[in-house]
C-alpha atoms as a PDB file:
ATOM      1  CA  GLU A   1     -26.409  27.466 -10.617  1.00  0.00           C
ATOM      2  CA  HIS A   2     -25.079  24.754  -8.324  1.00  0.00           C
ATOM      3  CA  VAL A   3     -24.257  21.079  -8.747  1.00  0.00           C
ATOM      4  CA  ALA A   4     -24.312  18.696  -5.783  1.00  0.00           C
ATOM      5  CA  PHE A   5     -23.069  15.129  -5.499  1.00  0.00           C
ATOM      6  CA  ILE A   6     -24.063  12.468  -3.000  1.00  0.00           C
ATOM      7  CA  ASP A   7     -23.107   8.793  -2.784  1.00  0.00           C
ATOM      8  CA  GLY A   8     -25.794   6.206  -3.363  1.00  0.00           C
ATOM      9  CA  ASP A   9     -25.183   4.675   0.074  1.00  0.00           C
ATOM     10  CA  THR A  10     -25.344   8.010   1.915  1.00  0.00           C
ATOM     11  CA  ARG A  11     -28.397   9.057   3.937  1.00  0.00           C
ATOM     12  CA  PRO A  12     -28.773  12.857   3.664  1.00  0.00           C
ATOM     13  CA  TYR A  13     -30.356  14.825   6.474  1.00  0.00           C
ATOM     14  CA  ARG A  14     -33.069  17.417   5.937  1.00  0.00           C
ATOM     15  CA  SER A  15     -30.884  20.533   5.449  1.00  0.00           C
ATOM     16  CA  TRP A  16     -27.960  18.777   3.729  1.00  0.00           C
ATOM     17  CA  LEU A  17     -28.227  20.624   0.405  1.00  0.00           C
ATOM     18  CA  ARG A  18     -28.760  24.015   2.027  1.00  0.00           C
ATOM     19  CA  ASP A  19     -25.743  23.568   4.333  1.00  0.00           C
ATOM     20  CA  LEU A  20     -23.509  22.992   1.321  1.00  0.00           C
ATOM     21  CA  VAL A  21     -24.848  25.616  -1.076  1.00  0.00           C
ATOM     22  CA  VAL A  22     -24.824  28.553   1.342  1.00  0.00           C
ATOM     23  CA  ARG A  23     -21.054  28.147   1.751  1.00  0.00           C
ATOM     24  CA  LEU A  24     -20.520  28.680  -1.977  1.00  0.00           C
ATOM     25  CA  GLU A  25     -21.298  32.400  -1.795  1.00  0.00           C
ATOM     26  CA  SER A  26     -17.626  33.329  -1.356  1.00  0.00           C
ATOM     27  CA  PRO A  27     -15.846  33.655  -4.736  1.00  0.00           C
ATOM     28  CA  THR A  28     -12.671  32.050  -3.336  1.00  0.00           C
ATOM     29  CA  VAL A  29     -14.524  28.860  -2.346  1.00  0.00           C
ATOM     30  CA  GLY A  30     -14.510  26.429  -5.238  1.00  0.00           C
ATOM     31  CA  ALA A  31     -16.220  23.509  -3.527  1.00  0.00           C
ATOM     32  CA  VAL A  32     -17.798  22.613  -0.213  1.00  0.00           C
ATOM     33  CA  THR A  33     -17.707  19.112   1.200  1.00  0.00           C
ATOM     34  CA  GLY A  34     -18.402  16.924   4.175  1.00  0.00           C
ATOM     35  CA  ASN A  35     -16.936  13.538   4.993  1.00  0.00           C
ATOM     36  CA  ARG A  36     -17.992  10.067   6.101  1.00  0.00           C
ATOM     37  CA  TRP A  37     -17.812   8.599   9.573  1.00  0.00           C
ATOM     38  CA  TYR A  38     -18.034   4.864  10.114  1.00  0.00           C
ATOM     39  CA  THR A  39     -20.130   3.767  13.089  1.00  0.00           C
ATOM     40  CA  PRO A  40     -20.004  -0.066  13.023  1.00  0.00           C
ATOM     41  CA  LEU A  41     -23.058  -1.658  14.577  1.00  0.00           C
ATOM     42  CA  ASP A  42     -21.836  -5.241  14.775  1.00  0.00           C
ATOM     43  CA  SER A  43     -18.564  -4.386  16.596  1.00  0.00           C
ATOM     44  CA  GLY A  44     -16.718  -6.892  14.393  1.00  0.00           C
ATOM     45  CA  HIS A  45     -12.971  -6.500  14.057  1.00  0.00           C
ATOM     46  CA  GLY A  46     -13.111  -5.394  10.406  1.00  0.00           C
ATOM     47  CA  GLY A  47     -15.621  -2.623  11.025  1.00  0.00           C
ATOM     48  CA  LEU A  48     -13.830  -1.513  14.173  1.00  0.00           C
ATOM     49  CA  THR A  49     -10.492  -1.363  12.356  1.00  0.00           C
ATOM     50  CA  ARG A  50     -12.003   0.724   9.545  1.00  0.00           C
ATOM     51  CA  HIS A  51     -13.569   3.028  12.145  1.00  0.00           C
ATOM     52  CA  PHE A  52     -10.165   3.838  13.647  1.00  0.00           C
ATOM     53  CA  TRP A  53      -8.447   4.065  10.272  1.00  0.00           C
ATOM     54  CA  ASN A  54     -11.062   6.551   9.115  1.00  0.00           C
ATOM     55  CA  ALA A  55     -10.557   8.642  12.256  1.00  0.00           C
ATOM     56  CA  GLY A  56      -7.042   9.371  11.058  1.00  0.00           C
ATOM     57  CA  ALA A  57      -8.010   9.626   7.397  1.00  0.00           C
ATOM     58  CA  VAL A  58     -10.566  12.413   7.868  1.00  0.00           C
ATOM     59  CA  VAL A  59      -7.847  14.559   9.446  1.00  0.00           C
ATOM     60  CA  GLN A  60      -5.503  13.975   6.504  1.00  0.00           C
ATOM     61  CA  VAL A  61      -8.258  14.674   3.991  1.00  0.00           C
ATOM     62  CA  TRP A  62      -9.054  17.958   5.734  1.00  0.00           C
ATOM     63  CA  PHE A  63      -5.345  18.864   5.991  1.00  0.00           C
ATOM     64  CA  ASN A  64      -4.774  18.263   2.258  1.00  0.00           C
ATOM     65  CA  GLY A  65      -7.987  20.031   1.218  1.00  0.00           C
ATOM     66  CA  ILE A  66      -9.321  16.938  -0.568  1.00  0.00           C
ATOM     67  CA  PRO A  67     -13.100  16.972  -1.061  1.00  0.00           C
ATOM     68  CA  TRP A  68     -15.240  13.906  -0.541  1.00  0.00           C
ATOM     69  CA  GLY A  69     -17.481  13.068  -3.494  1.00  0.00           C
ATOM     70  CA  GLY A  70     -20.152  11.534  -1.260  1.00  0.00           C
ATOM     71  CA  SER A  71     -21.203  14.989  -0.057  1.00  0.00           C
ATOM     72  CA  LEU A  72     -19.976  17.686  -2.392  1.00  0.00           C
ATOM     73  CA  ALA A  73     -21.237  20.858  -4.070  1.00  0.00           C
ATOM     74  CA  LEU A  74     -19.766  23.227  -6.665  1.00  0.00           C
ATOM     75  CA  ARG A  75     -20.971  26.241  -8.609  1.00  0.00           C
ATOM     76  CA  ARG A  76     -21.790  25.493 -12.203  1.00  0.00           C
ATOM     77  CA  ASP A  77     -19.538  28.279 -13.474  1.00  0.00           C
ATOM     78  CA  THR A  78     -16.649  26.850 -11.421  1.00  0.00           C
ATOM     79  CA  ILE A  79     -17.026  23.516 -13.212  1.00  0.00           C
ATOM     80  CA  ARG A  80     -16.803  25.266 -16.583  1.00  0.00           C
ATOM     81  CA  GLU A  81     -13.963  27.579 -15.564  1.00  0.00           C
ATOM     82  CA  THR A  82     -11.679  24.876 -14.141  1.00  0.00           C
ATOM     83  CA  GLY A  83     -12.248  22.239 -16.824  1.00  0.00           C
ATOM     84  CA  ILE A  84     -13.152  19.563 -14.297  1.00  0.00           C
ATOM     85  CA  ILE A  85     -15.269  17.553 -16.740  1.00  0.00           C
ATOM     86  CA  ALA A  86     -12.333  17.110 -19.121  1.00  0.00           C
ATOM     87  CA  SER A  87     -10.183  15.939 -16.214  1.00  0.00           C
ATOM     88  CA  TRP A  88     -12.857  13.481 -15.087  1.00  0.00           C
ATOM     89  CA  ARG A  89     -12.611  11.685 -18.416  1.00  0.00           C
ATOM     90  CA  LYS A  90      -9.176  10.399 -17.380  1.00  0.00           C
ATOM     91  CA  ALA A  91      -9.733  10.166 -13.651  1.00  0.00           C
ATOM     92  CA  LEU A  92     -10.247   7.320 -11.219  1.00  0.00           C
ATOM     93  CA  SER A  93     -11.174   9.574  -8.300  1.00  0.00           C
ATOM     94  CA  VAL A  94     -13.874  12.189  -8.816  1.00  0.00           C
ATOM     95  CA  ASP A  95     -13.228  14.030  -5.559  1.00  0.00           C
ATOM     96  CA  GLY A  96      -9.427  14.079  -5.715  1.00  0.00           C
ATOM     97  CA  THR A  97      -9.633  15.462  -9.249  1.00  0.00           C
ATOM     98  CA  VAL A  98     -11.880  18.282  -8.045  1.00  0.00           C
ATOM     99  CA  GLY A  99      -9.351  19.335  -5.408  1.00  0.00           C
ATOM    100  CA  ARG A 100      -6.481  19.364  -7.896  1.00  0.00           C
ATOM    101  CA  CYS A 101      -8.376  21.360 -10.536  1.00  0.00           C
ATOM    102  CA  LEU A 102      -9.552  23.935  -8.015  1.00  0.00           C
ATOM    103  CA  GLY A 103      -6.034  24.385  -6.659  1.00  0.00           C
ATOM    104  CA  ARG A 104      -4.756  25.219 -10.134  1.00  0.00           C
ATOM    105  CA  HIS A 105      -7.231  28.107 -10.287  1.00  0.00           C
ATOM    106  CA  GLY A 106      -6.575  29.449  -6.802  1.00  0.00           C
ATOM    107  CA  LYS A 107      -9.825  28.204  -5.304  1.00  0.00           C
ATOM    108  CA  VAL A 108     -10.145  26.415  -1.974  1.00  0.00           C
ATOM    109  CA  VAL A 109     -12.194  23.507  -0.688  1.00  0.00           C
ATOM    110  CA  HIS A 110     -14.348  24.439   2.303  1.00  0.00           C
ATOM    111  CA  PHE A 111     -15.079  21.675   4.789  1.00  0.00           C
ATOM    112  CA  VAL A 112     -18.563  21.687   6.352  1.00  0.00           C
ATOM    113  CA  PRO A 113     -18.602  19.842   9.711  1.00  0.00           C
ATOM    114  CA  GLU A 114     -22.400  19.732   9.621  1.00  0.00           C
ATOM    115  CA  SER A 115     -22.183  17.525   6.542  1.00  0.00           C
ATOM    116  CA  MET A 116     -20.445  14.600   8.202  1.00  0.00           C
ATOM    117  CA  MET A 117     -22.354  11.475   7.150  1.00  0.00           C
ATOM    118  CA  LEU A 118     -22.703   8.435   9.395  1.00  0.00           C
ATOM    119  CA  ASN A 119     -22.145   5.050   7.772  1.00  0.00           C
ATOM    120  CA  ASP A 120     -23.054   1.853   9.631  1.00  0.00           C
ATOM    121  CA  GLU A 121     -22.202  -0.661   6.901  1.00  0.00           C
ATOM    122  CA  GLN A 122     -20.592  -3.927   7.940  1.00  0.00           C
ATOM    123  CA  VAL A 123     -17.215  -5.031   6.644  1.00  0.00           C
ATOM    124  CA  ASP A 124     -14.866  -7.891   7.455  1.00  0.00           C
ATOM    125  CA  ARG A 125     -11.100  -7.642   7.763  1.00  0.00           C
ATOM    126  CA  ASN A 126     -10.264  -8.850   4.238  1.00  0.00           C
ATOM    127  CA  ALA A 127     -12.893  -6.645   2.591  1.00  0.00           C
ATOM    128  CA  PHE A 128     -11.600  -3.644   4.520  1.00  0.00           C
ATOM    129  CA  GLN A 129      -8.059  -4.197   3.262  1.00  0.00           C
ATOM    130  CA  THR A 130      -9.285  -4.519  -0.335  1.00  0.00           C
ATOM    131  CA  TRP A 131     -11.318  -1.335   0.073  1.00  0.00           C
ATOM    132  CA  LEU A 132      -8.342   0.491   1.587  1.00  0.00           C
ATOM    133  CA  VAL A 133      -6.037  -0.428  -1.289  1.00  0.00           C
ATOM    134  CA  ARG A 134      -8.532   1.118  -3.710  1.00  0.00           C
ATOM    135  CA  GLN A 135      -8.776   4.278  -1.624  1.00  0.00           C
ATOM    136  CA  LEU A 136      -5.006   4.683  -1.689  1.00  0.00           C
ATOM    137  CA  VAL A 137      -4.797   3.844  -5.399  1.00  0.00           C
ATOM    138  CA  ALA A 138      -7.317   6.621  -6.022  1.00  0.00           C
ATOM    139  CA  ALA A 139      -5.175   9.046  -4.033  1.00  0.00           C
ATOM    140  CA  ARG A 140      -2.073   8.016  -5.978  1.00  0.00           C
ATOM    141  CA  SER A 141      -3.848   8.298  -9.329  1.00  0.00           C
ATOM    142  CA  THR A 142      -4.632  11.977  -8.723  1.00  0.00           C
ATOM    143  CA  ASN A 143      -1.202  12.768  -7.261  1.00  0.00           C
ATOM    144  CA  THR A 144      -2.997  14.960  -4.704  1.00  0.00           C
ATOM    145  CA  GLY A 145      -1.122  14.967  -1.405  1.00  0.00           C
ATOM    146  CA  TRP A 146       0.543  11.638  -2.222  1.00  0.00           C
ATOM    147  CA  SER A 147       3.902  12.793  -0.884  1.00  0.00           C
ATOM    148  CA  VAL A 148       2.190  13.759   2.375  1.00  0.00           C
ATOM    149  CA  VAL A 149       0.583  10.303   2.538  1.00  0.00           C
ATOM    150  CA  LEU A 150       3.997   8.653   2.112  1.00  0.00           C
ATOM    151  CA  CYS A 151       5.640  10.877   4.723  1.00  0.00           C
ATOM    152  CA  HIS A 152       2.814  10.203   7.146  1.00  0.00           C
ATOM    153  CA  ALA A 153       3.234   6.445   6.623  1.00  0.00           C
ATOM    154  CA  GLY A 154       6.956   6.729   7.317  1.00  0.00           C
ATOM    155  CA  LEU A 155       6.326   8.607  10.552  1.00  0.00           C
ATOM    156  CA  MET A 156       3.668   6.076  11.521  1.00  0.00           C
ATOM    157  CA  ALA A 157       6.089   3.190  11.017  1.00  0.00           C
ATOM    158  CA  LEU A 158       8.719   5.055  13.029  1.00  0.00           C
ATOM    159  CA  CYS A 159       6.301   5.614  15.920  1.00  0.00           C
ATOM    160  CA  MET A 160       5.364   1.931  15.922  1.00  0.00           C
ATOM    161  CA  ALA A 161       8.793   0.343  15.561  1.00  0.00           C
ATOM    162  CA  GLY A 162      11.159   2.954  17.013  1.00  0.00           C
ATOM    163  CA  PRO A 163      10.286   2.881  20.746  1.00  0.00           C
ATOM    164  CA  PRO A 164      10.278  -0.933  21.179  1.00  0.00           C
ATOM    165  CA  LEU A 165      13.563  -1.290  19.268  1.00  0.00           C
ATOM    166  CA  LEU A 166      15.170   1.476  21.317  1.00  0.00           C
ATOM    167  CA  ALA A 167      13.814  -0.101  24.503  1.00  0.00           C
ATOM    168  CA  LEU A 168      15.370  -3.460  23.618  1.00  0.00           C
ATOM    169  CA  ALA A 169      18.693  -1.804  22.813  1.00  0.00           C
ATOM    170  CA  ALA A 170      18.648   0.161  26.067  1.00  0.00           C
ATOM    171  CA  MET A 171      17.767  -2.878  28.175  1.00  0.00           C
ATOM    172  CA  ALA A 172      20.397  -4.978  26.437  1.00  0.00           C
ATOM    173  CA  GLY A 173      22.923  -2.328  27.464  1.00  0.00           C
ATOM    174  CA  GLY A 174      21.675  -2.360  31.043  1.00  0.00           C
ATOM    175  CA  ASP A 175      19.914   1.024  30.909  1.00  0.00           C
ATOM    176  CA  TRP A 176      16.543  -0.053  32.260  1.00  0.00           C
ATOM    177  CA  SER A 177      15.302   3.490  32.929  1.00  0.00           C
ATOM    178  CA  ALA A 178      15.823   4.480  29.278  1.00  0.00           C
ATOM    179  CA  GLY A 179      14.073   1.297  28.173  1.00  0.00           C
ATOM    180  CA  ALA A 180      11.131   2.023  30.434  1.00  0.00           C
ATOM    181  CA  GLY A 181      10.987   5.558  29.048  1.00  0.00           C
ATOM    182  CA  CYS A 182      10.783   4.251  25.475  1.00  0.00           C
ATOM    183  CA  LEU A 183       7.969   1.866  26.382  1.00  0.00           C
ATOM    184  CA  THR A 184       6.158   4.693  28.189  1.00  0.00           C
ATOM    185  CA  ALA A 185       6.407   6.803  25.029  1.00  0.00           C
ATOM    186  CA  LEU A 186       4.943   3.926  23.003  1.00  0.00           C
ATOM    187  CA  ALA A 187       2.057   3.548  25.443  1.00  0.00           C
ATOM    188  CA  ALA A 188       1.432   7.303  25.275  1.00  0.00           C
ATOM    189  CA  TYR A 189       1.264   7.110  21.467  1.00  0.00           C
ATOM    190  CA  TRP A 190      -1.374   4.374  21.449  1.00  0.00           C
ATOM    191  CA  ALA A 191      -3.333   6.108  24.212  1.00  0.00           C
ATOM    192  CA  GLY A 192      -3.259   9.312  22.157  1.00  0.00           C
ATOM    193  CA  CYS A 193      -4.620   7.456  19.132  1.00  0.00           C
ATOM    194  CA  LEU A 194      -7.496   6.019  21.153  1.00  0.00           C
ATOM    195  CA  ASN A 195      -8.339   9.306  22.853  1.00  0.00           C
ATOM    196  CA  SER A 196      -8.210  11.420  19.692  1.00  0.00           C
ATOM    197  CA  ALA A 197     -10.470   8.963  17.852  1.00  0.00           C
ATOM    198  CA  ALA A 198     -12.920   9.024  20.767  1.00  0.00           C
ATOM    199  CA  MET A 199     -12.962  12.844  20.778  1.00  0.00           C
ATOM    200  CA  ILE A 200     -13.690  13.017  17.040  1.00  0.00           C
ATOM    201  CA  ASP A 201     -16.364  10.351  17.446  1.00  0.00           C
ATOM    202  CA  ASP A 202     -18.093  12.359  20.176  1.00  0.00           C
ATOM    203  CA  GLY A 203     -18.021  15.467  17.983  1.00  0.00           C
ATOM    204  CA  VAL A 204     -19.433  13.692  14.937  1.00  0.00           C
ATOM    205  CA  ARG A 205     -22.216  12.086  16.967  1.00  0.00           C
ATOM    206  CA  GLY A 206     -23.090  15.541  18.298  1.00  0.00           C
ATOM    207  CA  VAL A 207     -23.313  16.839  14.735  1.00  0.00           C
ATOM    208  CA  ALA A 208     -25.532  13.904  13.759  1.00  0.00           C
ATOM    209  CA  ALA A 209     -27.812  14.590  16.705  1.00  0.00           C
ATOM    210  CA  ARG A 210     -28.222  18.223  15.628  1.00  0.00           C
ATOM    211  CA  GLN A 211     -29.096  16.990  12.127  1.00  0.00           C
ATOM    212  CA  GLY A 212     -32.084  15.210  13.616  1.00  0.00           C
ATOM    213  CA  ASP A 213     -30.790  11.699  13.015  1.00  0.00           C
ATOM    214  CA  PRO A 214     -31.524   9.106  15.682  1.00  0.00           C
ATOM    215  CA  PRO A 215     -28.489   8.792  17.961  1.00  0.00           C
ATOM    216  CA  ALA A 216     -26.109   6.083  16.844  1.00  0.00           C
ATOM    217  CA  PRO A 217     -25.178   3.676  19.648  1.00  0.00           C
ATOM    218  CA  ALA A 218     -21.762   4.353  21.120  1.00  0.00           C
ATOM    219  CA  LEU A 219     -19.020   1.795  20.599  1.00  0.00           C
ATOM    220  CA  ALA A 220     -19.505  -0.662  23.452  1.00  0.00           C
ATOM    221  CA  VAL A 221     -16.171  -2.369  22.898  1.00  0.00           C
ATOM    222  CA  PRO A 222     -13.629  -3.362  25.579  1.00  0.00           C
ATOM    223  CA  LEU A 223     -10.438  -1.322  25.697  1.00  0.00           C
ATOM    224  CA  LEU A 224      -8.227  -4.243  24.645  1.00  0.00           C
ATOM    225  CA  ARG A 225     -10.298  -4.838  21.497  1.00  0.00           C
ATOM    226  CA  ARG A 226     -10.112  -1.141  20.652  1.00  0.00           C
ATOM    227  CA  LEU A 227      -6.361  -1.175  21.069  1.00  0.00           C
ATOM    228  CA  CYS A 228      -6.041  -4.240  18.828  1.00  0.00           C
ATOM    229  CA  ALA A 229      -8.149  -2.499  16.175  1.00  0.00           C
ATOM    230  CA  VAL A 230      -6.031   0.684  16.356  1.00  0.00           C
ATOM    231  CA  VAL A 231      -2.806  -1.301  15.962  1.00  0.00           C
ATOM    232  CA  ASP A 232      -4.326  -3.304  13.103  1.00  0.00           C
ATOM    233  CA  ALA A 233      -5.454  -0.076  11.397  1.00  0.00           C
ATOM    234  CA  HIS A 234      -1.814   1.061  11.382  1.00  0.00           C
ATOM    235  CA  LEU A 235      -0.530  -2.242  10.043  1.00  0.00           C
ATOM    236  CA  THR A 236      -3.259  -2.532   7.414  1.00  0.00           C
ATOM    237  CA  HIS A 237      -2.572   1.009   6.219  1.00  0.00           C
ATOM    238  CA  LEU A 238       1.126   0.268   5.718  1.00  0.00           C
ATOM    239  CA  THR A 239       0.526  -2.992   3.840  1.00  0.00           C
ATOM    240  CA  ALA A 240      -2.250  -1.451   1.731  1.00  0.00           C
ATOM    241  CA  LEU A 241       0.001   1.499   0.907  1.00  0.00           C
ATOM    242  CA  TRP A 242       2.691  -0.887  -0.324  1.00  0.00           C
ATOM    243  CA  HIS A 243       0.226  -2.663  -2.618  1.00  0.00           C
ATOM    244  CA  ALA A 244      -1.291   0.619  -3.810  1.00  0.00           C
ATOM    245  CA  SER A 245       2.147   1.978  -4.737  1.00  0.00           C
ATOM    246  CA  TRP A 246       2.603  -0.768  -7.335  1.00  0.00           C
ATOM    247  CA  CYS A 247      -0.983  -1.475  -8.377  1.00  0.00           C
ATOM    248  CA  ARG A 248      -1.728  -0.744 -12.037  1.00  0.00           C
ATOM    249  CA  THR A 249      -5.303  -2.047 -12.352  1.00  0.00           C
ATOM    250  CA  VAL A 250      -8.207  -1.776  -9.943  1.00  0.00           C
ATOM    251  CA  GLN A 251     -11.770  -3.095  -9.812  1.00  0.00           C
ATOM    252  CA  TRP A 252     -14.293  -0.657  -8.364  1.00  0.00           C
ATOM    253  CA  ARG A 253     -18.026  -1.444  -8.209  1.00  0.00           C
ATOM    254  CA  GLY A 254     -18.071  -3.415 -11.422  1.00  0.00           C
ATOM    255  CA  ILE A 255     -15.688  -1.139 -13.325  1.00  0.00           C
ATOM    256  CA  ARG A 256     -12.111  -2.148 -14.112  1.00  0.00           C
ATOM    257  CA  TYR A 257      -9.555   0.628 -14.526  1.00  0.00           C
ATOM    258  CA  GLU A 258      -5.971   0.746 -15.734  1.00  0.00           C
ATOM    259  CA  ILE A 259      -3.768   3.438 -14.203  1.00  0.00           C
ATOM    260  CA  LEU A 260      -1.227   4.567 -16.775  1.00  0.00           C
ATOM    261  CA  ALA A 261       0.036   7.635 -14.902  1.00  0.00           C
ATOM    262  CA  PRO A 262      -1.261  10.324 -12.541  1.00  0.00           C
ATOM    263  CA  GLU A 263      -4.211  12.010 -14.252  1.00  0.00           C
ATOM    264  CA  ASP A 264      -4.218   9.292 -16.929  1.00  0.00           C
ATOM    265  CA  VAL A 265      -6.646   6.451 -16.139  1.00  0.00           C
ATOM    266  CA  ARG A 266      -8.355   4.222 -18.715  1.00  0.00           C
ATOM    267  CA  MET A 267     -11.566   2.228 -18.226  1.00  0.00           C
ATOM    268  CA  LEU A 268     -11.084  -1.385 -19.349  1.00  0.00           C
ATOM    269  CA  ALA A 269     -14.475  -2.912 -18.481  1.00  0.00           C
ATOM    270  CA  TYR A 270     -17.816  -1.563 -17.284  1.00  0.00           C
ATOM    271  CA  GLU A 271     -20.693  -3.285 -15.541  1.00  0.00           C
ATOM    272  CA  ARG A 272     -23.580  -1.169 -14.319  1.00  0.00           C
ATOM    273  CA  PHE A 273     -23.800  -1.073 -10.521  1.00  0.00           C
ATOM    274  CA  SER A 274     -27.083  -1.795  -8.755  1.00  0.00           C
ATOM    275  CA  ARG A 275     -27.822  -1.726  -5.051  1.00  0.00           C
ATOM    276  CA  ARG A 276     -30.503  -4.339  -5.682  1.00  0.00           C
ATOM    277  CA  LEU A 277     -27.731  -6.927  -6.005  1.00  0.00           C
ATOM    278  CA  VAL A 278     -26.445  -6.110  -2.520  1.00  0.00           C
ATOM    279  CA  LYS A 279     -27.865  -7.948   0.463  1.00  0.00           C
ATOM    280  CA  PRO A 280     -29.426  -5.735   3.166  1.00  0.00           C
ATOM    281  CA  GLY A 281     -26.888  -4.757   5.814  1.00  0.00           C
ATOM    282  CA  ALA A 282     -23.940  -5.884   3.708  1.00  0.00           C
ATOM    283  CA  SER A 283     -20.963  -3.683   2.992  1.00  0.00           C
ATOM    284  CA  ILE A 284     -20.844  -1.993  -0.410  1.00  0.00           C
ATOM    285  CA  ILE A 285     -17.151  -1.691  -1.195  1.00  0.00           C
END
C-alpha cells in the first residue's frame, strides 16, 4: 500500500519507515519526507561551506514544499492517481517531480522533522560547487519554485553588496554615522546567518539523539572560519546559480542528461553506479 524511497548513502534509524508511513493516513497528504543535514567531520572548508549552504537550503525546500527523495514515502494509489511514473520518464529530479505532480492534484507534502538524516561525507571546495550546480539544475529542470530561488538569490546579493556600497557612499559624503549604521546592518546579517544555522544544527542533533544515533561531534571550528564559510556559501550559491541557469547537460553518478525544457529531460549515456568504486570516507557527489 505504500512505497518508500531512501538514498543509498543514507543511514536509516530504527523507526524511519514507521515515522513516514503513519503520516500518510490523511487523504490530503500526498507524500511525507525528511531532509539531509551535513555534519562534516574533517572541518575542511568545503564541508563547512556545504554545511552552511544546506542550513539555508532546508528552509527553502520546506517553504516550497519540495520533498527529498533520500527519505520519502507515498501511497501506492497516489502514485497511480497523479501519474508520477510517466513524469519520471522525462525527469532529472525524482523528488522535485513528486512535489509538482502532487500539487496539480491538490495534495500536500508533509515534512517529518524526525526523519532528518545526518550525513558526514567529506567534500572539497571544487566538488561542492560541482554538486551545487547539479542541485540547482535539478530544481530548474522541474520548474518547481525556480522563481522563488531566483528572487532569493537577488535578495541575497542585495544583502551582501548593498550595505558596504551604501557605507562607502555615505562616508565619501562625510556622513560617518550613516556609514557606520550600514556596516552595523551588514554585521547583523552575517551574525543572523551564523546564529540561525547554529539553532537548526542544535535542533537536528537533538532529533538524531532521539533516533538513537550516537551523538555527532559538534562543529569545533573558530568563529572566523565559520564566518568565511558562510560568506563563501553565499558566493558559491550565486556563481552556481549562474551556471545552472545556462547549463543544458549534466553528469550525475555516471548518467549524462540533456535538459531540453522543464519537464523534458533526455538520458544521453548511462553507467551503472556502484558504491564499491567509492573509497571509504570519500564524498559521493
